[in-house]
Protein backbone atom coordinates (compact mmCIF):
# COMPACT_ATOMS: atom_id res chain seq x y z
CA UNK A 1 84.06 56.52 -41.19
CA UNK A 2 83.84 52.90 -40.04
CA UNK A 3 84.82 50.04 -42.34
CA UNK A 4 81.16 48.98 -42.47
CA UNK A 5 80.03 52.46 -43.48
CA UNK A 6 82.70 52.63 -46.16
CA UNK A 7 81.72 49.21 -47.52
CA UNK A 8 78.01 50.06 -47.51
CA UNK A 9 78.34 52.86 -50.03
CA UNK A 10 74.88 53.57 -51.42
CA UNK A 11 73.39 50.21 -50.37
CA UNK A 12 70.86 49.70 -47.64
CA UNK A 13 72.59 46.66 -46.18
CA UNK A 14 76.01 45.04 -46.01
CA UNK A 15 76.66 41.32 -46.40
CA UNK A 16 80.09 40.31 -45.07
CA UNK A 17 81.43 36.88 -46.07
CA UNK A 18 84.49 35.49 -44.32
CA UNK A 19 86.41 33.41 -46.85
CA UNK A 20 88.99 32.44 -44.24
CA UNK A 21 86.20 31.00 -42.08
CA UNK A 22 84.95 28.95 -45.05
CA UNK A 23 88.47 27.60 -45.59
CA UNK A 24 88.76 26.82 -41.87
CA UNK A 25 85.45 24.96 -41.98
CA UNK A 26 86.72 22.92 -44.93
CA UNK A 27 89.85 22.02 -42.96
CA UNK A 28 87.73 20.96 -39.95
CA UNK A 29 85.55 18.78 -42.17
CA UNK A 30 88.59 17.30 -43.89
CA UNK A 31 90.06 16.37 -40.51
CA UNK A 32 86.76 14.92 -39.30
CA UNK A 33 86.27 12.87 -42.46
CA UNK A 34 89.86 11.77 -42.99
CA UNK A 35 91.50 9.91 -44.55
CA UNK A 36 88.82 10.43 -47.21
CA UNK A 37 89.32 13.31 -49.62
CA UNK A 38 87.17 16.32 -48.70
CA UNK A 39 85.34 17.93 -51.59
CA UNK A 40 83.21 21.08 -51.58
CA UNK A 41 79.67 21.71 -52.82
CA UNK A 42 79.33 25.09 -54.54
CA UNK A 43 75.85 24.72 -55.99
CA UNK A 44 73.41 27.65 -55.90
CA UNK A 45 76.31 30.11 -56.20
CA UNK A 46 78.02 28.57 -53.16
CA UNK A 47 74.78 28.68 -51.19
CA UNK A 48 74.30 32.30 -52.13
CA UNK A 49 77.76 33.48 -51.04
CA UNK A 50 79.52 33.63 -54.42
CA UNK A 51 80.91 30.54 -56.16
CA UNK A 52 83.84 32.40 -57.73
CA UNK A 53 85.43 33.87 -54.58
CA UNK A 54 84.46 30.86 -52.47
CA UNK A 55 85.83 28.43 -55.06
CA UNK A 56 89.13 30.29 -55.31
CA UNK A 57 89.45 30.37 -51.53
CA UNK A 58 88.73 26.67 -51.14
CA UNK A 59 91.11 25.74 -53.94
CA UNK A 60 93.83 27.75 -52.21
CA UNK A 61 93.03 25.83 -49.01
CA UNK A 62 93.52 22.52 -50.81
CA UNK A 63 90.11 21.43 -52.15
CA UNK A 64 90.39 19.60 -55.47
CA UNK A 65 86.88 18.21 -56.05
CA UNK A 66 83.93 20.57 -56.45
CA UNK A 67 80.23 19.85 -56.91
CA UNK A 68 77.54 21.97 -58.55
CA UNK A 69 73.92 21.26 -59.42
CA UNK A 70 73.54 22.61 -62.97
CA UNK A 71 75.60 22.46 -66.13
CA UNK A 72 75.79 26.26 -66.37
CA UNK A 73 77.06 26.41 -62.79
CA UNK A 74 79.83 24.02 -63.77
CA UNK A 75 80.76 26.02 -66.86
CA UNK A 76 80.93 29.23 -64.80
CA UNK A 77 83.08 27.58 -62.13
CA UNK A 78 85.43 26.14 -64.75
CA UNK A 79 85.99 29.71 -65.93
CA UNK A 80 87.32 30.47 -62.45
CA UNK A 81 89.15 27.23 -61.60
CA UNK A 82 91.17 25.45 -64.26
CA UNK A 83 92.62 22.50 -62.34
CA UNK A 84 90.11 20.72 -60.06
CA UNK A 85 87.48 18.21 -61.07
CA UNK A 86 83.96 19.62 -61.18
CA UNK A 87 80.98 17.27 -60.88
CA UNK A 88 77.49 18.24 -62.09
CA UNK A 89 75.09 16.55 -59.66
CA UNK A 90 71.90 17.01 -61.69
CA UNK A 91 73.37 14.76 -64.33
CA UNK A 92 73.86 14.60 -68.07
CA UNK A 93 71.39 16.71 -70.03
CA UNK A 94 70.10 15.16 -73.28
CA UNK A 95 72.09 16.11 -76.35
CA UNK A 96 74.62 18.20 -74.43
CA UNK A 97 77.39 15.69 -73.71
CA UNK A 98 79.84 17.75 -75.77
CA UNK A 99 79.30 20.73 -73.46
CA UNK A 100 80.50 18.66 -70.50
CA UNK A 101 83.66 17.52 -72.22
CA UNK A 102 84.35 20.96 -73.70
CA UNK A 103 84.51 22.35 -70.14
CA UNK A 104 85.99 19.22 -68.55
CA UNK A 105 82.94 18.61 -66.39
CA UNK A 106 81.98 15.25 -64.91
CA UNK A 107 78.30 14.33 -64.86
CA UNK A 108 76.67 12.39 -62.06
CA UNK A 109 75.01 9.62 -64.06
CA UNK A 110 71.59 9.23 -62.53
CA UNK A 111 69.84 6.70 -64.76
CA UNK A 112 70.66 4.02 -67.36
CA UNK A 113 69.98 6.43 -70.23
CA UNK A 114 72.61 8.84 -68.95
CA UNK A 115 75.12 6.00 -68.56
CA UNK A 116 74.47 4.86 -72.14
CA UNK A 117 74.74 8.41 -73.50
CA UNK A 118 78.01 9.16 -71.66
CA UNK A 119 79.54 5.82 -72.65
CA UNK A 120 78.48 6.44 -76.27
CA UNK A 121 80.02 9.91 -76.18
CA UNK A 122 83.28 8.39 -74.90
CA UNK A 123 83.30 5.87 -77.74
CA UNK A 124 82.64 8.60 -80.28
CA UNK A 125 85.60 10.58 -78.94
CA UNK A 126 87.79 7.49 -78.76
CA UNK A 127 88.75 8.18 -75.15
CA UNK A 128 87.65 7.22 -71.65
CA UNK A 129 85.59 9.79 -69.76
CA UNK A 130 85.22 9.98 -65.96
CA UNK A 131 81.80 9.64 -64.41
CA UNK A 132 80.11 9.57 -61.02
CA UNK A 133 77.45 6.85 -61.01
CA UNK A 134 74.69 7.70 -58.56
CA UNK A 135 73.00 4.76 -56.83
CA UNK A 136 69.78 5.57 -55.00
CA UNK A 137 69.87 3.95 -51.56
CA UNK A 138 66.58 5.27 -50.23
CA UNK A 139 66.27 8.98 -51.01
CA UNK A 140 64.01 8.16 -53.98
CA UNK A 141 65.04 11.28 -55.80
CA UNK A 142 67.92 11.09 -58.29
CA UNK A 143 69.99 7.97 -58.88
CA UNK A 144 69.69 4.45 -60.24
CA UNK A 145 66.75 2.56 -58.74
CA UNK A 146 67.43 -0.89 -57.22
CA UNK A 147 66.26 -2.68 -60.37
CA UNK A 148 68.59 -0.51 -62.49
CA UNK A 149 71.45 -1.35 -60.15
CA UNK A 150 70.74 -5.05 -60.60
CA UNK A 151 70.76 -4.74 -64.39
CA UNK A 152 74.03 -2.78 -64.22
CA UNK A 153 75.59 -5.50 -62.07
CA UNK A 154 74.50 -8.11 -64.62
CA UNK A 155 75.94 -6.07 -67.51
CA UNK A 156 79.03 -4.16 -66.30
CA UNK A 157 80.11 -3.84 -69.91
CA UNK A 158 77.56 -1.04 -70.27
CA UNK A 159 80.05 1.08 -68.34
CA UNK A 160 82.63 0.68 -71.09
CA UNK A 161 84.29 3.98 -71.88
CA UNK A 162 83.46 5.48 -68.47
CA UNK A 163 86.65 5.64 -66.43
CA UNK A 164 87.53 6.34 -63.76
CA UNK A 165 84.21 5.68 -62.04
CA UNK A 166 83.16 6.95 -58.63
CA UNK A 167 80.10 5.34 -57.04
CA UNK A 168 77.98 7.78 -55.07
CA UNK A 169 74.80 7.88 -53.03
CA UNK A 170 73.04 10.55 -50.98
CA UNK A 171 71.79 10.35 -47.39
CA UNK A 172 68.24 11.42 -46.59
CA UNK A 173 68.44 11.85 -42.79
CA UNK A 174 72.12 12.45 -42.01
CA UNK A 175 71.36 15.43 -39.74
CA UNK A 176 69.53 12.99 -37.42
CA UNK A 177 72.39 10.91 -36.09
CA UNK A 178 70.13 8.33 -34.47
CA UNK A 179 67.80 7.84 -37.41
CA UNK A 180 67.87 4.18 -38.54
CA UNK A 181 67.53 5.36 -42.14
CA UNK A 182 71.24 6.23 -42.14
CA UNK A 183 72.38 2.69 -41.40
CA UNK A 184 69.76 1.25 -43.75
CA UNK A 185 71.03 3.39 -46.62
CA UNK A 186 74.65 2.53 -45.90
CA UNK A 187 73.82 -1.18 -45.86
CA UNK A 188 71.92 -0.95 -49.16
CA UNK A 189 74.79 0.91 -50.75
CA UNK A 190 77.33 -1.64 -49.50
CA UNK A 191 75.25 -4.52 -50.85
CA UNK A 192 75.16 -2.84 -54.24
CA UNK A 193 78.93 -2.24 -54.11
CA UNK A 194 79.49 -5.96 -53.59
CA UNK A 195 77.94 -6.65 -57.00
CA UNK A 196 79.58 -3.86 -59.00
CA UNK A 197 83.14 -3.21 -60.24
CA UNK A 198 85.40 -1.92 -57.50
CA UNK A 199 85.88 1.86 -57.54
CA UNK A 200 86.05 4.79 -55.09
CA UNK A 201 82.82 5.70 -53.29
CA UNK A 202 81.27 8.97 -52.10
CA UNK A 203 78.53 8.91 -49.46
CA UNK A 204 78.67 11.65 -46.84
CA UNK A 205 77.26 15.13 -47.11
CA UNK A 206 77.98 17.70 -44.37
CA UNK A 207 76.07 15.90 -41.63
CA UNK A 208 77.09 12.49 -42.93
CA UNK A 209 80.71 13.28 -42.08
CA UNK A 210 79.68 13.29 -38.40
CA UNK A 211 78.08 9.82 -38.59
CA UNK A 212 81.42 8.03 -38.40
CA UNK A 213 84.10 6.44 -40.55
CA UNK A 214 81.77 3.97 -42.22
CA UNK A 215 80.00 6.83 -43.98
CA UNK A 216 83.12 8.65 -45.19
CA UNK A 217 84.06 6.43 -48.12
CA UNK A 218 86.79 7.85 -50.33
CA UNK A 219 85.35 11.32 -50.94
CA UNK A 220 83.06 13.46 -48.78
CA UNK A 221 80.78 16.16 -50.19
CA UNK A 222 80.19 18.89 -47.58
CA UNK A 223 78.08 21.85 -48.54
CA UNK A 224 76.10 23.79 -45.93
CA UNK A 225 78.60 23.19 -43.12
CA UNK A 226 81.24 25.02 -45.14
CA UNK A 227 79.10 28.13 -44.85
CA UNK A 228 78.51 27.91 -41.10
CA UNK A 229 75.27 25.92 -41.02
CA UNK A 230 75.24 23.53 -38.07
CA UNK A 231 75.64 19.94 -39.38
CA UNK A 232 74.77 18.52 -35.94
CA UNK A 233 71.39 20.05 -35.00
CA UNK A 234 70.69 19.93 -31.30
CA UNK A 235 74.38 20.04 -30.45
CA UNK A 236 76.88 22.92 -30.42
CA UNK A 237 77.83 24.03 -33.91
CA UNK A 238 81.33 22.74 -34.72
CA UNK A 239 81.70 25.18 -37.61
CA UNK A 240 83.00 28.74 -37.71
CA UNK A 241 80.52 31.52 -38.44
CA UNK A 242 80.84 32.79 -42.01
CA UNK A 243 78.14 35.37 -42.70
CA UNK A 244 77.21 38.71 -41.19
CA UNK A 245 74.32 40.80 -42.53
CA UNK A 246 73.87 44.39 -41.32
CA UNK A 247 71.24 46.87 -42.47
CA UNK A 248 70.77 50.60 -41.99
CA UNK A 249 68.24 52.08 -39.63
CA UNK A 250 66.35 54.53 -41.83
CA UNK A 251 64.00 56.14 -39.36
CA UNK A 252 62.97 56.14 -35.71
CA UNK A 253 59.25 56.53 -35.02
CA UNK A 254 57.91 57.52 -31.58
CA UNK A 255 54.52 56.09 -30.74
CA UNK A 256 52.75 57.70 -27.78
CA UNK A 257 49.21 56.38 -28.21
CA UNK A 258 47.94 52.93 -29.12
CA UNK A 259 48.22 52.33 -32.86
CA UNK A 260 49.10 49.64 -35.38
CA UNK A 261 52.30 49.02 -37.33
CA UNK A 262 52.81 47.92 -40.92
CA UNK A 263 50.74 46.11 -43.53
CA UNK A 264 47.48 44.59 -42.44
CA UNK A 265 47.69 46.45 -39.12
CA UNK A 266 48.95 43.10 -37.86
CA UNK A 267 50.79 44.46 -34.82
CA UNK A 268 49.36 46.84 -32.25
CA UNK A 269 51.51 49.04 -30.02
CA UNK A 270 49.65 49.71 -26.78
CA UNK A 271 51.91 52.17 -24.99
CA UNK A 272 54.73 54.64 -25.55
CA UNK A 273 57.37 53.06 -27.77
CA UNK A 274 60.15 53.74 -30.22
CA UNK A 275 60.19 51.82 -33.50
CA UNK A 276 63.07 51.56 -35.95
CA UNK A 277 62.50 50.99 -39.65
CA UNK A 278 65.36 49.06 -41.24
CA UNK A 279 66.39 48.81 -44.91
CA UNK A 280 65.93 45.11 -45.52
CA UNK A 281 62.94 42.93 -46.40
CA UNK A 282 61.78 39.73 -47.99
CA UNK A 283 63.21 40.80 -51.35
CA UNK A 284 66.58 40.57 -49.59
CA UNK A 285 66.00 37.09 -48.21
CA UNK A 286 64.53 37.94 -44.80
CA UNK A 287 61.48 35.63 -44.83
CA UNK A 288 58.06 37.21 -44.43
CA UNK A 289 57.21 34.26 -42.21
CA UNK A 290 59.58 35.68 -39.56
CA UNK A 291 57.13 38.55 -39.00
CA UNK A 292 56.43 38.89 -35.30
CA UNK A 293 58.79 35.99 -34.54
CA UNK A 294 62.27 37.09 -35.54
CA UNK A 295 64.59 39.70 -34.11
CA UNK A 296 67.64 41.79 -34.93
CA UNK A 297 70.58 42.94 -32.83
CA UNK A 298 71.44 46.62 -32.35
CA UNK A 299 74.50 47.63 -30.32
CA UNK A 300 74.35 44.38 -28.36
CA UNK A 301 70.61 44.57 -27.68
CA UNK A 302 67.97 42.27 -29.15
CA UNK A 303 65.14 44.10 -30.90
CA UNK A 304 62.05 42.05 -31.83
CA UNK A 305 60.48 42.41 -35.26
CA UNK A 306 57.11 44.14 -35.02
CA UNK A 307 54.47 43.98 -37.73
CA UNK A 308 54.82 42.29 -41.07
CA UNK A 309 58.09 42.08 -42.93
CA UNK A 310 57.58 43.85 -46.24
CA UNK A 311 59.49 43.70 -49.51
CA UNK A 312 62.05 46.36 -48.60
CA UNK A 313 61.62 47.09 -44.89
CA UNK A 314 61.26 45.65 -41.44
CA UNK A 315 60.22 47.43 -38.25
CA UNK A 316 61.63 46.56 -34.83
CA UNK A 317 60.93 47.72 -31.29
CA UNK A 318 63.88 49.68 -29.88
CA UNK A 319 62.12 51.17 -26.85
CA UNK A 320 64.58 49.49 -24.47
CA UNK A 321 67.71 50.54 -26.41
CA UNK A 322 69.46 53.82 -25.49
CA UNK A 323 68.53 56.45 -28.05
CA UNK A 324 72.08 57.25 -29.21
CA UNK A 325 72.59 53.56 -30.10
CA UNK A 326 69.39 53.14 -32.12
CA UNK A 327 69.34 56.16 -34.40
CA UNK A 328 69.06 56.74 -38.16
CA UNK A 329 72.24 55.58 -39.86
CA UNK A 330 73.12 53.00 -37.20
CA UNK A 331 73.43 49.38 -38.29
CA UNK A 332 71.18 46.53 -37.20
CA UNK A 333 72.55 43.00 -37.38
CA UNK A 334 70.17 40.66 -39.20
CA UNK A 335 72.56 37.68 -39.32
CA UNK A 336 75.59 37.31 -37.11
CA UNK A 337 77.06 35.38 -34.17
CA UNK A 338 73.93 35.84 -32.03
CA UNK A 339 71.46 35.51 -34.89
CA UNK A 340 72.81 32.73 -37.06
CA UNK A 341 71.23 31.59 -40.33
CA UNK A 342 69.98 28.53 -38.45
CA UNK A 343 68.31 30.70 -35.83
CA UNK A 344 66.73 33.02 -38.41
CA UNK A 345 65.52 29.96 -40.28
CA UNK A 346 63.97 28.54 -37.13
CA UNK A 347 62.13 31.80 -36.43
CA UNK A 348 60.78 31.73 -39.99
CA UNK A 349 59.76 28.07 -39.93
CA UNK A 350 62.47 27.04 -42.39
CA UNK A 351 66.16 26.06 -42.36
CA UNK A 352 69.45 27.94 -42.55
CA UNK A 353 70.08 26.52 -46.04
CA UNK A 354 67.09 28.45 -47.38
CA UNK A 355 68.15 31.62 -45.59
CA UNK A 356 71.59 31.61 -47.23
CA UNK A 357 70.42 30.67 -50.71
CA UNK A 358 67.70 33.36 -50.60
CA UNK A 359 70.05 36.25 -49.85
CA UNK A 360 69.28 38.99 -52.33
CA UNK A 361 71.45 40.96 -54.73
CA UNK A 362 70.82 44.43 -53.36
CA UNK A 363 73.42 44.19 -50.62
CA UNK A 364 76.87 45.65 -50.72
CA UNK A 365 79.11 42.58 -50.47
CA UNK A 366 82.37 42.51 -48.57
CA UNK A 367 84.72 39.51 -48.64
CA UNK A 368 87.24 39.02 -45.88
CA UNK A 369 90.46 37.04 -46.38
CA UNK A 370 90.69 34.20 -48.87
CA UNK A 371 92.38 34.29 -52.26
CA UNK A 372 90.74 37.53 -53.37
């Protein structure tokens, strides 16, 4: 029995996650962004790959600053990692400041009300509390608007009780190295810094690290690149591959006369063909929009998806693959070195980020290396 077959057990598909590759990607990003500290974004369950094992592996590699989106994500991660700082990017939820301090979580303070509430909580406790203060530099999403930044500069005392402070912003177009928005945001952020109390700054996401030293600040915040997503679209991927998804072939169907395949009779087979039905579908994170556009790999051959992707199944054309290699029980590679999350995302009209974060819970999961 192969290691894949043993790991599959009763599942229809196997998701293999290489924790050593994630740690290696963190080291590459740390080297690229040095001398700034390199953090790690573990939101959305580490982009669908498991915040607990990924967090432990990255901590063992040397990461000491972690970022999540939601309060509950931070509480769960604190249950796994006792030492590092954990920042909640979505900010301070009303009336829940005590939950952050109980779990030693740091909120990103995204508006004046959050700053006032966190400073008030610090005064009530009689101790200083750390905070990341988010300054919007052009994303127009979360963060203090320019007028709020001006008021904060005129009244720095409103930060009393918040210490140490880290100033942060978020880049809107970092994956487009030549986009003038990057420089415009950096300039806006620097102008704001000139009016505010001196403190460490955090600017760069994954792609921002590749924009140069001026974007690195004191702390970088890579996320997707840790998990093998290319932070430099249009150029060779500088990151190690992390994820492999393999699914069982359930059945081989011979088609000798013209007929249709799948829901909606959307695909028509005109001549003799062999079709493989595979145990994975859109409920497992393979987008329905990849129907007729995506492909899988079987024994080194590319097999195009035929017909519509359904909830639990996809059908691929294996006519050109030797019969012993494409048989019931064999494994088809849905994501791997030749079919990366970025490539699957492109075939589905989306991005690799969405592919990873949509991976379902029906897979058998196998972790390689790391601190497990």
